[in-house]
Amino acid sequence: MSEQFAVDDHVRWNSEAGHVQGVITRKHTHDVDWKGYTHHASENDPQYEIKSDKTDHVALHKGRALTKVA
């Protein structure tokens, strides 16, 4: 089980372009279709929608890929 985060938490993750920071806008606790792919999620292992601080990009990640930013 990964760390649990909440909507409005400020987090950081590693992407192809380097480290990115953003704010969680939604927490998915059931499987979700995202950009043509089904991302698996559950109450114990949710997926988080995160809006980048610098761009309009929205990413979807599990908690194990995220680090909370103070």
PDB file of N, CA and C in Angstrom:
ATOM      1  N   MET A   1       0.845  -1.177   0.000  1.00  0.00           N
ATOM      2  CA  MET A   1       0.000   0.000   0.000  1.00  0.00           C
ATOM      3  C   MET A   1       0.893   1.244   0.000  1.00  0.00           C
ATOM      4  N   SER A   2       0.529   2.230  -0.802  1.00  0.00           N
ATOM      5  CA  SER A   2       1.327   3.451  -0.896  1.00  0.00           C
ATOM      6  C   SER A   2       0.780   4.518   0.053  1.00  0.00           C
ATOM      7  N   GLU A   3       1.547   5.566   0.228  1.00  0.00           N
ATOM      8  CA  GLU A   3       1.133   6.672   1.080  1.00  0.00           C
ATOM      9  C   GLU A   3      -0.152   7.286   0.536  1.00  0.00           C
ATOM     10  N   GLN A   4      -1.029   7.700   1.432  1.00  0.00           N
ATOM     11  CA  GLN A   4      -2.293   8.312   1.042  1.00  0.00           C
ATOM     12  C   GLN A   4      -2.138   9.827   1.010  1.00  0.00           C
ATOM     13  N   PHE A   5      -2.660  10.438  -0.036  1.00  0.00           N
ATOM     14  CA  PHE A   5      -2.637  11.887  -0.206  1.00  0.00           C
ATOM     15  C   PHE A   5      -4.072  12.382  -0.295  1.00  0.00           C
ATOM     16  N   ALA A   6      -4.255  13.692  -0.233  1.00  0.00           N
ATOM     17  CA  ALA A   6      -5.588  14.290  -0.286  1.00  0.00           C
ATOM     18  C   ALA A   6      -5.637  15.360  -1.369  1.00  0.00           C
ATOM     19  N   VAL A   7      -6.847  15.666  -1.824  1.00  0.00           N
ATOM     20  CA  VAL A   7      -7.043  16.765  -2.768  1.00  0.00           C
ATOM     21  C   VAL A   7      -6.447  18.026  -2.155  1.00  0.00           C
ATOM     22  N   ASP A   8      -5.793  18.822  -2.962  1.00  0.00           N
ATOM     23  CA  ASP A   8      -5.110  20.069  -2.583  1.00  0.00           C
ATOM     24  C   ASP A   8      -3.715  19.863  -1.994  1.00  0.00           C
ATOM     25  N   ASP A   9      -3.276  18.609  -1.819  1.00  0.00           N
ATOM     26  CA  ASP A   9      -1.891  18.388  -1.391  1.00  0.00           C
ATOM     27  C   ASP A   9      -0.955  18.802  -2.522  1.00  0.00           C
ATOM     28  N   HIS A  10       0.167  19.413  -2.176  1.00  0.00           N
ATOM     29  CA  HIS A  10       1.182  19.814  -3.146  1.00  0.00           C
ATOM     30  C   HIS A  10       2.217  18.704  -3.172  1.00  0.00           C
ATOM     31  N   VAL A  11       2.437  18.114  -4.368  1.00  0.00           N
ATOM     32  CA  VAL A  11       3.309  16.945  -4.485  1.00  0.00           C
ATOM     33  C   VAL A  11       4.327  17.129  -5.605  1.00  0.00           C
ATOM     34  N   ARG A  12       5.287  16.214  -5.629  1.00  0.00           N
ATOM     35  CA  ARG A  12       6.354  16.214  -6.630  1.00  0.00           C
ATOM     36  C   ARG A  12       6.473  14.800  -7.175  1.00  0.00           C
ATOM     37  N   TRP A  13       6.802  14.681  -8.473  1.00  0.00           N
ATOM     38  CA  TRP A  13       7.027  13.382  -9.080  1.00  0.00           C
ATOM     39  C   TRP A  13       8.068  13.508 -10.176  1.00  0.00           C
ATOM     40  N   ASN A  14       8.608  12.381 -10.578  1.00  0.00           N
ATOM     41  CA  ASN A  14       9.630  12.347 -11.605  1.00  0.00           C
ATOM     42  C   ASN A  14       8.967  12.009 -12.940  1.00  0.00           C
ATOM     43  N   SER A  15       9.184  12.836 -13.956  1.00  0.00           N
ATOM     44  CA  SER A  15       8.646  12.581 -15.293  1.00  0.00           C
ATOM     45  C   SER A  15       9.796  12.479 -16.281  1.00  0.00           C
ATOM     46  N   GLU A  16       9.452  12.261 -17.552  1.00  0.00           N
ATOM     47  CA  GLU A  16      10.488  12.180 -18.585  1.00  0.00           C
ATOM     48  C   GLU A  16      11.270  13.490 -18.671  1.00  0.00           C
ATOM     49  N   ALA A  17      10.618  14.593 -18.323  1.00  0.00           N
ATOM     50  CA  ALA A  17      11.242  15.918 -18.417  1.00  0.00           C
ATOM     51  C   ALA A  17      11.960  16.318 -17.126  1.00  0.00           C
ATOM     52  N   GLY A  18      11.990  15.439 -16.144  1.00  0.00           N
ATOM     53  CA  GLY A  18      12.608  15.761 -14.858  1.00  0.00           C
ATOM     54  C   GLY A  18      11.555  15.836 -13.772  1.00  0.00           C
ATOM     55  N   HIS A  19      11.911  16.409 -12.641  1.00  0.00           N
ATOM     56  CA  HIS A  19      10.972  16.506 -11.531  1.00  0.00           C
ATOM     57  C   HIS A  19       9.931  17.584 -11.808  1.00  0.00           C
ATOM     58  N   VAL A  20       8.680  17.260 -11.486  1.00  0.00           N
ATOM     59  CA  VAL A  20       7.547  18.161 -11.699  1.00  0.00           C
ATOM     60  C   VAL A  20       6.804  18.286 -10.376  1.00  0.00           C
ATOM     61  N   GLN A  21       6.257  19.474 -10.130  1.00  0.00           N
ATOM     62  CA  GLN A  21       5.450  19.688  -8.937  1.00  0.00           C
ATOM     63  C   GLN A  21       4.060  20.132  -9.347  1.00  0.00           C
ATOM     64  N   GLY A  22       3.086  19.790  -8.530  1.00  0.00           N
ATOM     65  CA  GLY A  22       1.723  20.183  -8.818  1.00  0.00           C
ATOM     66  C   GLY A  22       0.820  19.929  -7.629  1.00  0.00           C
ATOM     67  N   VAL A  23      -0.465  20.161  -7.854  1.00  0.00           N
ATOM     68  CA  VAL A  23      -1.467  20.029  -6.801  1.00  0.00           C
ATOM     69  C   VAL A  23      -2.447  18.927  -7.182  1.00  0.00           C
ATOM     70  N   ILE A  24      -2.753  18.065  -6.223  1.00  0.00           N
ATOM     71  CA  ILE A  24      -3.726  16.997  -6.459  1.00  0.00           C
ATOM     72  C   ILE A  24      -5.107  17.622  -6.597  1.00  0.00           C
ATOM     73  N   THR A  25      -5.785  17.285  -7.712  1.00  0.00           N
ATOM     74  CA  THR A  25      -7.114  17.839  -7.961  1.00  0.00           C
ATOM     75  C   THR A  25      -8.220  16.805  -7.779  1.00  0.00           C
ATOM     76  N   ARG A  26      -7.843  15.514  -7.819  1.00  0.00           N
ATOM     77  CA  ARG A  26      -8.849  14.465  -7.684  1.00  0.00           C
ATOM     78  C   ARG A  26      -8.181  13.162  -7.263  1.00  0.00           C
ATOM     79  N   LYS A  27      -8.899  12.375  -6.481  1.00  0.00           N
ATOM     80  CA  LYS A  27      -8.423  11.075  -6.023  1.00  0.00           C
ATOM     81  C   LYS A  27      -9.367  10.006  -6.582  1.00  0.00           C
ATOM     82  N   HIS A  28      -8.816   9.042  -7.336  1.00  0.00           N
ATOM     83  CA  HIS A  28      -9.623   7.965  -7.913  1.00  0.00           C
ATOM     84  C   HIS A  28      -9.429   6.702  -7.092  1.00  0.00           C
ATOM     85  N   THR A  29     -10.544   6.114  -6.629  1.00  0.00           N
ATOM     86  CA  THR A  29     -10.484   4.890  -5.838  1.00  0.00           C
ATOM     87  C   THR A  29     -11.067   3.693  -6.589  1.00  0.00           C
ATOM     88  N   HIS A  30     -11.411   3.897  -7.861  1.00  0.00           N
ATOM     89  CA  HIS A  30     -11.888   2.828  -8.740  1.00  0.00           C
ATOM     90  C   HIS A  30     -11.148   2.967 -10.064  1.00  0.00           C
ATOM     91  N   ASP A  31     -11.086   1.897 -10.834  1.00  0.00           N
ATOM     92  CA  ASP A  31     -10.414   1.946 -12.133  1.00  0.00           C
ATOM     93  C   ASP A  31     -10.935   3.130 -12.942  1.00  0.00           C
ATOM     94  N   VAL A  32     -10.016   3.777 -13.671  1.00  0.00           N
ATOM     95  CA  VAL A  32     -10.388   4.958 -14.446  1.00  0.00           C
ATOM     96  C   VAL A  32      -9.760   4.862 -15.840  1.00  0.00           C
ATOM     97  N   ASP A  33     -10.567   5.179 -16.863  1.00  0.00           N
ATOM     98  CA  ASP A  33     -10.035   5.263 -18.226  1.00  0.00           C
ATOM     99  C   ASP A  33      -9.394   6.619 -18.389  1.00  0.00           C
ATOM    100  N   TRP A  34      -8.118   6.633 -18.773  1.00  0.00           N
ATOM    101  CA  TRP A  34      -7.338   7.872 -18.859  1.00  0.00           C
ATOM    102  C   TRP A  34      -6.478   7.823 -20.107  1.00  0.00           C
ATOM    103  N   LYS A  35      -6.763   8.691 -21.041  1.00  0.00           N
ATOM    104  CA  LYS A  35      -5.992   8.800 -22.287  1.00  0.00           C
ATOM    105  C   LYS A  35      -5.860   7.451 -22.995  1.00  0.00           C
ATOM    106  N   GLY A  36      -6.979   6.740 -23.085  1.00  0.00           N
ATOM    107  CA  GLY A  36      -7.021   5.490 -23.824  1.00  0.00           C
ATOM    108  C   GLY A  36      -6.515   4.263 -23.092  1.00  0.00           C
ATOM    109  N   TYR A  37      -6.268   4.379 -21.807  1.00  0.00           N
ATOM    110  CA  TYR A  37      -5.733   3.269 -21.033  1.00  0.00           C
ATOM    111  C   TYR A  37      -6.477   3.180 -19.709  1.00  0.00           C
ATOM    112  N   THR A  38      -6.767   1.966 -19.245  1.00  0.00           N
ATOM    113  CA  THR A  38      -7.422   1.783 -17.951  1.00  0.00           C
ATOM    114  C   THR A  38      -6.364   1.770 -16.853  1.00  0.00           C
ATOM    115  N   HIS A  39      -6.452   2.715 -15.948  1.00  0.00           N
ATOM    116  CA  HIS A  39      -5.543   2.777 -14.796  1.00  0.00           C
ATOM    117  C   HIS A  39      -6.270   2.151 -13.605  1.00  0.00           C
ATOM    118  N   HIS A  40      -5.608   1.198 -12.989  1.00  0.00           N
ATOM    119  CA  HIS A  40      -6.232   0.481 -11.877  1.00  0.00           C
ATOM    120  C   HIS A  40      -6.050   1.253 -10.578  1.00  0.00           C
ATOM    121  N   ALA A  41      -7.132   1.334  -9.829  1.00  0.00           N
ATOM    122  CA  ALA A  41      -7.120   2.056  -8.555  1.00  0.00           C
ATOM    123  C   ALA A  41      -8.076   1.360  -7.591  1.00  0.00           C
ATOM    124  N   SER A  42      -7.813   1.542  -6.314  1.00  0.00           N
ATOM    125  CA  SER A  42      -8.679   0.990  -5.268  1.00  0.00           C
ATOM    126  C   SER A  42      -8.623   1.921  -4.060  1.00  0.00           C
ATOM    127  N   GLU A  43      -9.431   1.630  -3.060  1.00  0.00           N
ATOM    128  CA  GLU A  43      -9.407   2.423  -1.821  1.00  0.00           C
ATOM    129  C   GLU A  43      -8.016   2.392  -1.199  1.00  0.00           C
ATOM    130  N   ASN A  44      -7.359   1.226  -1.249  1.00  0.00           N
ATOM    131  CA  ASN A  44      -6.039   1.063  -0.637  1.00  0.00           C
ATOM    132  C   ASN A  44      -4.893   1.527  -1.520  1.00  0.00           C
ATOM    133  N   ASP A  45      -5.129   1.659  -2.816  1.00  0.00           N
ATOM    134  CA  ASP A  45      -4.068   2.042  -3.766  1.00  0.00           C
ATOM    135  C   ASP A  45      -4.670   2.959  -4.840  1.00  0.00           C
ATOM    136  N   PRO A  46      -5.027   4.185  -4.454  1.00  0.00           N
ATOM    137  CA  PRO A  46      -5.702   5.091  -5.392  1.00  0.00           C
ATOM    138  C   PRO A  46      -4.764   5.682  -6.442  1.00  0.00           C
ATOM    139  N   GLN A  47      -5.364   6.260  -7.464  1.00  0.00           N
ATOM    140  CA  GLN A  47      -4.657   7.045  -8.470  1.00  0.00           C
ATOM    141  C   GLN A  47      -5.010   8.506  -8.199  1.00  0.00           C
ATOM    142  N   TYR A  48      -4.045   9.398  -8.397  1.00  0.00           N
ATOM    143  CA  TYR A  48      -4.257  10.822  -8.138  1.00  0.00           C
ATOM    144  C   TYR A  48      -4.104  11.627  -9.415  1.00  0.00           C
ATOM    145  N   GLU A  49      -5.057  12.529  -9.670  1.00  0.00           N
ATOM    146  CA  GLU A  49      -4.929  13.493 -10.769  1.00  0.00           C
ATOM    147  C   GLU A  49      -4.199  14.696 -10.205  1.00  0.00           C
ATOM    148  N   ILE A  50      -3.142  15.123 -10.901  1.00  0.00           N
ATOM    149  CA  ILE A  50      -2.318  16.234 -10.413  1.00  0.00           C
ATOM    150  C   ILE A  50      -2.134  17.248 -11.529  1.00  0.00           C
ATOM    151  N   LYS A  51      -2.414  18.509 -11.231  1.00  0.00           N
ATOM    152  CA  LYS A  51      -2.211  19.589 -12.201  1.00  0.00           C
ATOM    153  C   LYS A  51      -0.846  20.211 -11.937  1.00  0.00           C
ATOM    154  N   SER A  52      -0.037  20.271 -12.978  1.00  0.00           N
ATOM    155  CA  SER A  52       1.305  20.828 -12.886  1.00  0.00           C
ATOM    156  C   SER A  52       1.260  22.293 -12.472  1.00  0.00           C
ATOM    157  N   ASP A  53       2.232  22.710 -11.659  1.00  0.00           N
ATOM    158  CA  ASP A  53       2.347  24.116 -11.249  1.00  0.00           C
ATOM    159  C   ASP A  53       2.717  25.019 -12.423  1.00  0.00           C
ATOM    160  N   LYS A  54       3.496  24.501 -13.377  1.00  0.00           N
ATOM    161  CA  LYS A  54       4.051  25.353 -14.434  1.00  0.00           C
ATOM    162  C   LYS A  54       3.278  25.313 -15.749  1.00  0.00           C
ATOM    163  N   THR A  55       2.504  24.250 -15.988  1.00  0.00           N
ATOM    164  CA  THR A  55       1.771  24.131 -17.252  1.00  0.00           C
ATOM    165  C   THR A  55       0.338  23.710 -16.959  1.00  0.00           C
ATOM    166  N   ASP A  56      -0.443  23.560 -18.005  1.00  0.00           N
ATOM    167  CA  ASP A  56      -1.820  23.075 -17.850  1.00  0.00           C
ATOM    168  C   ASP A  56      -1.889  21.554 -17.852  1.00  0.00           C
ATOM    169  N   HIS A  57      -0.723  20.883 -17.903  1.00  0.00           N
ATOM    170  CA  HIS A  57      -0.679  19.430 -17.969  1.00  0.00           C
ATOM    171  C   HIS A  57      -1.289  18.815 -16.710  1.00  0.00           C
ATOM    172  N   VAL A  58      -2.090  17.770 -16.921  1.00  0.00           N
ATOM    173  CA  VAL A  58      -2.659  17.007 -15.819  1.00  0.00           C
ATOM    174  C   VAL A  58      -2.118  15.584 -15.937  1.00  0.00           C
ATOM    175  N   ALA A  59      -1.572  15.082 -14.853  1.00  0.00           N
ATOM    176  CA  ALA A  59      -0.984  13.742 -14.821  1.00  0.00           C
ATOM    177  C   ALA A  59      -1.788  12.852 -13.883  1.00  0.00           C
ATOM    178  N   LEU A  60      -1.654  11.552 -14.058  1.00  0.00           N
ATOM    179  CA  LEU A  60      -2.309  10.583 -13.188  1.00  0.00           C
ATOM    180  C   LEU A  60      -1.230   9.651 -12.647  1.00  0.00           C
ATOM    181  N   HIS A  61      -1.117   9.568 -11.313  1.00  0.00           N
ATOM    182  CA  HIS A  61      -0.076   8.739 -10.696  1.00  0.00           C
ATOM    183  C   HIS A  61      -0.599   8.070  -9.439  1.00  0.00           C
ATOM    184  N   LYS A  62       0.015   6.945  -9.115  1.00  0.00           N
ATOM    185  CA  LYS A  62      -0.248   6.300  -7.824  1.00  0.00           C
ATOM    186  C   LYS A  62       0.596   6.988  -6.758  1.00  0.00           C
ATOM    187  N   GLY A  63       0.214   6.809  -5.516  1.00  0.00           N
ATOM    188  CA  GLY A  63       0.894   7.463  -4.405  1.00  0.00           C
ATOM    189  C   GLY A  63       2.362   7.124  -4.288  1.00  0.00           C
ATOM    190  N   ARG A  64       2.759   5.917  -4.685  1.00  0.00           N
ATOM    191  CA  ARG A  64       4.170   5.513  -4.560  1.00  0.00           C
ATOM    192  C   ARG A  64       5.089   6.341  -5.461  1.00  0.00           C
ATOM    193  N   ALA A  65       4.525   7.021  -6.470  1.00  0.00           N
ATOM    194  CA  ALA A  65       5.320   7.851  -7.371  1.00  0.00           C
ATOM    195  C   ALA A  65       5.414   9.292  -6.892  1.00  0.00           C
ATOM    196  N   LEU A  66       4.716   9.614  -5.815  1.00  0.00           N
ATOM    197  CA  LEU A  66       4.612  11.001  -5.351  1.00  0.00           C
ATOM    198  C   LEU A  66       5.351  11.231  -4.045  1.00  0.00           C
ATOM    199  N   THR A  67       5.799  12.477  -3.872  1.00  0.00           N
ATOM    200  CA  THR A  67       6.407  12.930  -2.623  1.00  0.00           C
ATOM    201  C   THR A  67       5.709  14.220  -2.249  1.00  0.00           C
ATOM    202  N   LYS A  68       5.281  14.327  -1.012  1.00  0.00           N
ATOM    203  CA  LYS A  68       4.631  15.555  -0.565  1.00  0.00           C
ATOM    204  C   LYS A  68       5.643  16.690  -0.457  1.00  0.00           C
ATOM    205  N   VAL A  69       5.251  17.872  -0.933  1.00  0.00           N
ATOM    206  CA  VAL A  69       6.098  19.058  -0.898  1.00  0.00           C
ATOM    207  C   VAL A  69       5.585  19.954   0.227  1.00  0.00           C
ATOM    208  N   ALA A  70       6.495  20.447   1.049  1.00  0.00           N
ATOM    209  CA  ALA A  70       6.111  21.300   2.189  1.00  0.00           C
ATOM    210  C   ALA A  70       5.628  22.648   1.743  1.00  0.00           C
TER     211      ALA A  70
END
